[in-house]
């Protein structure tokens, strides 16, 4: 473990909330992006302490991501059911459209804006207010947050790709190649992104909150 990795591990030991590890498993040879180009924030120092509210805030992001991971597993199970003839591609498409994955409001900024409004409506938060708050509170986070926003667009395209592949499969029921690849691409993209987002933002959220004066 190099010095930076040790510092990152130490901050989460102090926090007591552990981001999900990315084990590096990928289903496709072509990665959705260059992971080596991802910005990384500076790990927090030993002088930083956290409140119980801060720990709960950091854990909340992981809990939301775990829901998305479960939906991804469900989607892969649906693909197997289509392949086995248990359900049709049209039924699979309907199932996809009910998932939080398919909505545009699961990304961190929009989700946290809704969450904050629910628990503190007097703050008058608008969609994606959390990102400006984090950047104002810690300007060093701006490159990370910009990258996360860019990756959200790639994820959206990957989800649209699954939907398009399901439409194609309806007219070509014997061809599973495109559908399998679309689901595998979404899997690689989403799992990589969620782990990166947790590594970079669980600690800042625990330190800074979704909004000013939360933690």
Protein backbone atom coordinates (compact mmCIF):
# COMPACT_ATOMS: atom_id res chain seq x y z
CA UNK A 1 0.00 0.00 0.00
CA UNK A 2 1.47 3.36 -1.05
CA UNK A 3 1.34 6.49 1.11
CA UNK A 4 -1.75 7.93 -0.58
CA UNK A 5 -3.66 4.64 -0.26
CA UNK A 6 -2.65 4.41 3.39
CA UNK A 7 -3.90 7.95 4.02
CA UNK A 8 -7.19 7.16 2.32
CA UNK A 9 -7.64 4.01 4.37
CA UNK A 10 -6.78 5.84 7.58
CA UNK A 11 -9.39 8.55 7.05
CA UNK A 12 -12.14 5.99 6.67
CA UNK A 13 -10.93 4.09 9.73
CA UNK A 14 -11.31 7.33 11.70
CA UNK A 15 -14.71 7.95 10.13
CA UNK A 16 -15.95 4.42 10.80
CA UNK A 17 -17.77 4.26 7.45
CA UNK A 18 -16.20 2.22 4.68
CA UNK A 19 -16.81 2.97 0.99
CA UNK A 20 -17.44 0.03 -1.30
CA UNK A 21 -14.26 -1.40 -2.79
CA UNK A 22 -13.86 -1.67 -6.56
CA UNK A 23 -12.40 -5.12 -7.12
CA UNK A 24 -11.47 -4.21 -10.69
CA UNK A 25 -13.65 -6.89 -12.30
CA UNK A 26 -14.81 -5.84 -15.77
CA UNK A 27 -16.98 -7.78 -18.20
CA UNK A 28 -15.83 -6.02 -21.37
CA UNK A 29 -12.36 -5.38 -22.75
CA UNK A 30 -13.29 -1.82 -23.75
CA UNK A 31 -13.55 0.38 -20.64
CA UNK A 32 -16.19 3.14 -20.63
CA UNK A 33 -13.56 5.73 -19.65
CA UNK A 34 -9.94 6.11 -18.62
CA UNK A 35 -10.02 5.44 -14.89
CA UNK A 36 -6.39 6.54 -14.52
CA UNK A 37 -7.41 10.09 -15.48
CA UNK A 38 -9.87 10.45 -12.61
CA UNK A 39 -9.07 13.33 -10.24
CA UNK A 40 -8.52 12.42 -6.61
CA UNK A 41 -9.06 14.69 -3.65
CA UNK A 42 -6.54 15.08 -0.87
CA UNK A 43 -7.29 12.68 2.01
CA UNK A 44 -8.35 14.35 5.24
CA UNK A 45 -5.79 14.63 8.01
CA UNK A 46 -5.71 13.05 11.44
CA UNK A 47 -6.90 16.34 12.98
CA UNK A 48 -10.33 15.97 11.35
CA UNK A 49 -13.10 14.58 13.53
CA UNK A 50 -16.64 13.56 12.64
CA UNK A 51 -20.05 13.75 14.28
CA UNK A 52 -22.61 10.96 14.41
CA UNK A 53 -24.71 12.99 11.97
CA UNK A 54 -21.71 13.18 9.65
CA UNK A 55 -21.20 9.44 9.77
CA UNK A 56 -24.87 8.88 8.99
CA UNK A 57 -24.63 11.29 6.06
CA UNK A 58 -21.68 9.43 4.56
CA UNK A 59 -23.39 6.10 5.10
CA UNK A 60 -26.52 7.39 3.40
CA UNK A 61 -24.69 7.75 0.09
CA UNK A 62 -23.51 4.13 0.34
CA UNK A 63 -27.06 2.99 1.13
CA UNK A 64 -28.40 4.72 -1.99
CA UNK A 65 -25.65 3.16 -4.09
CA UNK A 66 -26.42 -0.28 -2.66
CA UNK A 67 -30.00 0.14 -3.88
CA UNK A 68 -28.69 0.89 -7.37
CA UNK A 69 -26.40 -2.13 -7.22
CA UNK A 70 -29.37 -4.33 -6.30
CA UNK A 71 -31.32 -2.94 -9.26
CA UNK A 72 -28.39 -3.72 -11.53
CA UNK A 73 -28.41 -7.32 -10.29
CA UNK A 74 -32.16 -7.41 -10.95
CA UNK A 75 -31.61 -6.13 -14.49
CA UNK A 76 -29.04 -8.83 -15.18
CA UNK A 77 -31.49 -11.41 -13.83
CA UNK A 78 -34.16 -10.02 -16.17
CA UNK A 79 -31.77 -10.49 -19.11
CA UNK A 80 -31.38 -14.14 -18.13
CA UNK A 81 -35.17 -14.51 -18.01
CA UNK A 82 -35.48 -13.02 -21.51
CA UNK A 83 -32.81 -15.40 -22.78
CA UNK A 84 -34.61 -18.35 -21.15
CA UNK A 85 -37.95 -17.28 -22.62
CA UNK A 86 -39.51 -16.68 -19.21
CA UNK A 87 -40.39 -13.07 -20.09
CA UNK A 88 -40.43 -11.04 -23.29
CA UNK A 89 -38.11 -8.18 -24.19
CA UNK A 90 -41.13 -5.87 -23.96
CA UNK A 91 -41.74 -6.98 -20.38
CA UNK A 92 -38.07 -6.49 -19.62
CA UNK A 93 -38.23 -2.98 -21.03
CA UNK A 94 -41.23 -2.18 -18.84
CA UNK A 95 -39.32 -3.44 -15.81
CA UNK A 96 -36.30 -1.28 -16.72
CA UNK A 97 -38.51 1.80 -16.96
CA UNK A 98 -39.72 1.34 -13.37
CA UNK A 99 -36.20 1.21 -11.92
CA UNK A 100 -34.53 4.12 -10.19
CA UNK A 101 -31.62 3.48 -12.57
CA UNK A 102 -33.80 4.64 -15.44
CA UNK A 103 -34.72 7.94 -13.82
CA UNK A 104 -32.67 11.10 -14.12
CA UNK A 105 -32.91 11.98 -10.44
CA UNK A 106 -30.81 9.22 -8.85
CA UNK A 107 -27.50 11.00 -9.41
CA UNK A 108 -25.95 12.40 -6.28
CA UNK A 109 -26.79 16.05 -6.82
CA UNK A 110 -30.45 15.58 -7.63
CA UNK A 111 -30.96 12.84 -5.07
CA UNK A 112 -29.39 14.82 -2.28
CA UNK A 113 -31.37 17.91 -3.21
CA UNK A 114 -34.59 15.89 -2.77
CA UNK A 115 -33.29 14.33 0.43
CA UNK A 116 -32.29 17.66 1.90
CA UNK A 117 -35.63 19.20 0.99
CA UNK A 118 -37.39 16.38 2.77
CA UNK A 119 -35.43 16.81 6.00
CA UNK A 120 -34.89 20.56 5.89
CA UNK A 121 -37.27 22.22 3.48
CA UNK A 122 -36.60 25.65 4.97
CA UNK A 123 -33.22 25.60 3.24
CA UNK A 124 -35.07 25.97 -0.08
CA UNK A 125 -32.70 23.65 -1.90
CA UNK A 126 -33.04 23.27 -5.64
CA UNK A 127 -32.01 20.32 -7.80
CA UNK A 128 -28.32 19.45 -7.49
CA UNK A 129 -27.69 22.04 -4.78
CA UNK A 130 -25.32 19.69 -2.99
CA UNK A 131 -22.56 19.99 -5.57
CA UNK A 132 -22.26 23.78 -5.31
CA UNK A 133 -22.32 23.44 -1.53
CA UNK A 134 -19.44 20.95 -1.54
CA UNK A 135 -17.38 23.08 -3.91
CA UNK A 136 -17.98 26.22 -1.85
CA UNK A 137 -17.02 24.38 1.32
CA UNK A 138 -14.00 22.62 -0.17
CA UNK A 139 -12.87 24.09 -3.54
CA UNK A 140 -10.40 21.24 -3.93
CA UNK A 141 -13.36 18.97 -4.68
CA UNK A 142 -14.26 20.77 -7.90
CA UNK A 143 -12.24 18.54 -10.30
CA UNK A 144 -13.73 15.41 -8.71
CA UNK A 145 -17.27 16.76 -8.88
CA UNK A 146 -16.80 17.83 -12.50
CA UNK A 147 -15.60 14.32 -13.36
CA UNK A 148 -18.55 12.75 -11.52
CA UNK A 149 -20.94 14.92 -13.52
CA UNK A 150 -19.26 13.84 -16.76
CA UNK A 151 -19.55 10.19 -15.76
CA UNK A 152 -23.24 10.61 -14.99
CA UNK A 153 -23.73 11.47 -18.67
CA UNK A 154 -21.90 8.30 -19.73
CA UNK A 155 -24.07 6.24 -17.38
CA UNK A 156 -27.21 7.82 -18.83
CA UNK A 157 -26.05 6.84 -22.32
CA UNK A 158 -25.36 3.28 -21.12
CA UNK A 159 -28.87 2.99 -19.68
CA UNK A 160 -30.33 4.31 -22.92
CA UNK A 161 -28.21 1.70 -24.70
CA UNK A 162 -29.90 -1.09 -22.74
CA UNK A 163 -33.31 0.27 -23.66
CA UNK A 164 -32.33 0.52 -27.34
CA UNK A 165 -30.97 -3.04 -27.26
CA UNK A 166 -34.27 -4.29 -25.82
CA UNK A 167 -36.15 -2.54 -28.63
CA UNK A 168 -33.83 -4.17 -31.18
CA UNK A 169 -34.30 -7.55 -29.55
CA UNK A 170 -38.08 -7.30 -29.88
CA UNK A 171 -37.62 -7.32 -33.65
CA UNK A 172 -34.73 -9.79 -33.58
CA UNK A 173 -35.58 -12.30 -30.83
CA UNK A 174 -32.78 -14.72 -31.71
CA UNK A 175 -30.04 -12.10 -31.40
CA UNK A 176 -28.82 -11.57 -27.83
CA UNK A 177 -25.36 -10.22 -28.66
CA UNK A 178 -26.20 -6.53 -28.57
CA UNK A 179 -28.42 -6.84 -25.52
CA UNK A 180 -25.81 -8.76 -23.55
CA UNK A 181 -23.13 -6.23 -24.45
CA UNK A 182 -25.36 -3.30 -23.48
CA UNK A 183 -26.08 -4.78 -20.05
CA UNK A 184 -22.42 -5.67 -19.54
CA UNK A 185 -21.38 -2.13 -20.47
CA UNK A 186 -23.86 -0.68 -17.98
CA UNK A 187 -22.54 -3.06 -15.34
CA UNK A 188 -18.92 -2.03 -15.89
CA UNK A 189 -19.83 1.64 -16.04
CA UNK A 190 -22.11 1.83 -13.03
CA UNK A 191 -20.09 -0.30 -10.62
CA UNK A 192 -16.89 1.56 -11.47
CA UNK A 193 -18.59 4.93 -11.02
CA UNK A 194 -20.33 4.14 -7.74
CA UNK A 195 -17.13 2.93 -6.13
CA UNK A 196 -15.23 6.02 -7.32
CA UNK A 197 -17.95 8.36 -6.09
CA UNK A 198 -17.95 6.72 -2.66
CA UNK A 199 -14.18 6.84 -2.33
CA UNK A 200 -14.15 10.54 -3.18
CA UNK A 201 -17.33 11.86 -1.55
CA UNK A 202 -18.30 9.75 1.48
CA UNK A 203 -15.69 11.50 3.63
CA UNK A 204 -16.45 15.05 2.39
CA UNK A 205 -20.17 14.46 2.92
CA UNK A 206 -19.47 13.24 6.44
CA UNK A 207 -17.35 16.34 7.05
CA UNK A 208 -19.45 18.94 5.22
CA UNK A 209 -22.95 17.49 4.94
CA UNK A 210 -25.40 17.68 2.06
CA UNK A 211 -25.97 21.31 2.96
CA UNK A 212 -24.45 23.97 5.22
CA UNK A 213 -24.65 23.34 8.97
CA UNK A 214 -26.06 19.83 8.58
CA UNK A 215 -23.23 18.06 10.44
